């Protein structure tokens, strides 16, 4: 005889009922804050202007993009708000955190004795292609946020 498992059909119906009535499912904590508070949080993580030389390492905190990414993964209500800011710019720079790990800076590659043109450019190009593929192929809805 197969083990008896608990059905979550009642919970799913309750969530659908809440969503159809327009009430947010997550009504406490960070997701319940008004959008003005989210904008205030973003004001403490300003995006610096993109340098005119594309392959220059930025002298900035590389965690802004990663923080925005993690905020979009928290819950649906935060995803709706922070997604447009996370995909506002497609940029790649040394020291940036990516799903494959942190990109090395020019100074780090020099210190290890790596050939800058082959290794450095390849990783930067792979990352920008990954971002473009995400926006164009995997999730075309993100295109509207890129400026």
Protein backbone atom coordinates (compact mmCIF):
# COMPACT_ATOMS: atom_id res chain seq x y z
CA UNK A 1 0.00 0.00 0.00
CA UNK A 2 1.36 3.40 -0.98
CA UNK A 3 2.07 5.89 1.81
CA UNK A 4 -0.57 8.52 2.35
CA UNK A 5 0.63 12.03 1.59
CA UNK A 6 -0.89 15.32 2.60
CA UNK A 7 -2.63 17.10 -0.23
CA UNK A 8 -1.99 20.82 -0.54
CA UNK A 9 -4.99 21.39 -2.80
CA UNK A 10 -6.76 23.46 -0.13
CA UNK A 11 -3.72 25.76 0.25
CA UNK A 12 -3.42 26.20 -3.51
CA UNK A 13 -7.10 27.10 -3.77
CA UNK A 14 -6.73 29.62 -0.93
CA UNK A 15 -3.76 31.28 -2.66
CA UNK A 16 -5.65 31.43 -5.98
CA UNK A 17 -8.61 32.98 -4.19
CA UNK A 18 -6.37 35.65 -2.64
CA UNK A 19 -4.68 36.42 -5.95
CA UNK A 20 -7.99 36.72 -7.79
CA UNK A 21 -9.31 39.13 -5.16
CA UNK A 22 -6.26 41.39 -5.67
CA UNK A 23 -4.82 40.85 -2.19
CA UNK A 24 -1.09 40.18 -2.04
CA UNK A 25 -0.15 36.80 -0.62
CA UNK A 26 2.94 38.09 1.20
CA UNK A 27 1.65 41.02 3.28
CA UNK A 28 4.36 41.25 5.94
CA UNK A 29 7.99 42.27 6.05
CA UNK A 30 10.02 43.68 3.18
CA UNK A 31 7.53 42.79 0.38
CA UNK A 32 4.79 44.79 2.11
CA UNK A 33 6.70 48.08 2.02
CA UNK A 34 5.57 50.81 -0.39
CA UNK A 35 7.51 51.42 -3.61
CA UNK A 36 8.88 54.72 -2.24
CA UNK A 37 10.86 52.77 0.36
CA UNK A 38 12.28 50.51 -2.35
CA UNK A 39 13.38 53.59 -4.30
CA UNK A 40 15.07 54.90 -1.15
CA UNK A 41 16.92 51.59 -0.82
CA UNK A 42 18.01 51.85 -4.46
CA UNK A 43 19.26 55.40 -3.92
CA UNK A 44 21.91 53.97 -1.58
CA UNK A 45 23.14 51.70 -4.40
CA UNK A 46 23.71 54.25 -7.19
CA UNK A 47 24.81 53.11 -10.60
CA UNK A 48 27.95 54.89 -11.72
CA UNK A 49 28.24 56.19 -15.27
CA UNK A 50 29.56 53.70 -17.79
CA UNK A 51 33.16 54.59 -18.68
CA UNK A 52 33.91 55.52 -22.28
CA UNK A 53 36.60 52.82 -22.48
CA UNK A 54 34.70 49.54 -22.44
CA UNK A 55 37.49 47.32 -21.09
CA UNK A 56 38.42 49.47 -18.08
CA UNK A 57 37.98 48.00 -14.59
CA UNK A 58 35.44 50.04 -12.67
CA UNK A 59 36.38 51.52 -9.31
CA UNK A 60 33.03 50.72 -7.76
CA UNK A 61 31.29 48.20 -5.57
CA UNK A 62 30.60 45.27 -7.93
CA UNK A 63 27.84 43.96 -5.69
CA UNK A 64 25.08 46.32 -6.91
CA UNK A 65 24.05 44.08 -9.78
CA UNK A 66 24.27 40.97 -7.63
CA UNK A 67 22.17 42.59 -4.89
CA UNK A 68 19.48 43.54 -7.40
CA UNK A 69 19.52 40.00 -8.78
CA UNK A 70 19.04 38.52 -5.31
CA UNK A 71 16.21 40.96 -4.54
CA UNK A 72 14.40 39.80 -7.69
CA UNK A 73 14.72 36.19 -6.51
CA UNK A 74 13.19 36.89 -3.08
CA UNK A 75 9.48 36.90 -3.92
CA UNK A 76 7.01 37.88 -6.66
CA UNK A 77 6.21 41.33 -5.33
CA UNK A 78 9.90 42.29 -5.07
CA UNK A 79 10.60 40.72 -8.46
CA UNK A 80 8.04 42.96 -10.14
CA UNK A 81 9.68 46.08 -8.73
CA UNK A 82 13.43 45.30 -8.86
CA UNK A 83 13.55 43.43 -12.20
CA UNK A 84 13.50 46.63 -14.24
CA UNK A 85 16.45 47.98 -12.25
CA UNK A 86 18.42 44.73 -12.43
CA UNK A 87 18.21 44.66 -16.24
CA UNK A 88 18.40 48.42 -16.75
CA UNK A 89 21.97 48.19 -18.01
CA UNK A 90 23.91 45.42 -19.64
CA UNK A 91 27.45 45.89 -18.45
CA UNK A 92 30.52 43.77 -17.86
CA UNK A 93 33.62 44.78 -15.92
CA UNK A 94 36.47 43.22 -14.02
CA UNK A 95 35.54 42.30 -10.46
CA UNK A 96 31.89 41.75 -11.38
CA UNK A 97 30.04 38.81 -9.82
CA UNK A 98 28.38 36.47 -12.31
CA UNK A 99 26.61 33.11 -12.05
CA UNK A 100 29.91 31.48 -13.05
CA UNK A 101 31.88 33.33 -10.37
CA UNK A 102 33.71 36.62 -10.09
CA UNK A 103 35.39 38.06 -13.19
CA UNK A 104 39.06 38.82 -12.61
CA UNK A 105 40.33 42.39 -12.88
CA UNK A 106 43.17 43.51 -15.11
CA UNK A 107 45.49 43.78 -12.09
CA UNK A 108 44.64 40.24 -10.97
CA UNK A 109 45.34 38.84 -14.43
CA UNK A 110 48.67 40.69 -14.61
CA UNK A 111 49.62 39.39 -11.16
CA UNK A 112 48.99 35.79 -12.27
CA UNK A 113 50.93 36.37 -15.48
CA UNK A 114 47.97 35.64 -17.74
CA UNK A 115 47.86 36.91 -21.27
CA UNK A 116 45.43 39.83 -21.07
CA UNK A 117 44.13 39.76 -24.61
CA UNK A 118 43.27 36.06 -24.67
CA UNK A 119 41.94 35.19 -21.22
CA UNK A 120 40.55 38.52 -20.05
CA UNK A 121 38.74 39.47 -23.20
CA UNK A 122 37.29 35.96 -23.58
CA UNK A 123 35.67 35.92 -20.13
CA UNK A 124 34.30 39.43 -20.56
CA UNK A 125 32.86 38.60 -23.98
CA UNK A 126 31.33 35.35 -22.68
CA UNK A 127 29.60 37.26 -19.88
CA UNK A 128 28.20 39.96 -22.15
CA UNK A 129 26.96 37.28 -24.56
CA UNK A 130 25.27 35.49 -21.65
CA UNK A 131 23.49 38.68 -20.65
CA UNK A 132 22.43 39.44 -24.22
CA UNK A 133 21.19 35.88 -24.72
CA UNK A 134 19.11 36.19 -21.56
CA UNK A 135 17.49 39.40 -22.77
CA UNK A 136 16.98 38.40 -26.41
CA UNK A 137 16.38 34.63 -26.41
CA UNK A 138 15.56 33.27 -22.97
CA UNK A 139 13.34 36.05 -21.61
CA UNK A 140 12.36 38.62 -24.25
CA UNK A 141 10.15 40.43 -21.73
CA UNK A 142 13.33 41.83 -20.17
CA UNK A 143 14.08 43.84 -23.34
CA UNK A 144 11.73 46.60 -22.27
CA UNK A 145 13.87 47.38 -19.21
CA UNK A 146 17.23 47.69 -21.00
CA UNK A 147 18.14 51.26 -21.79
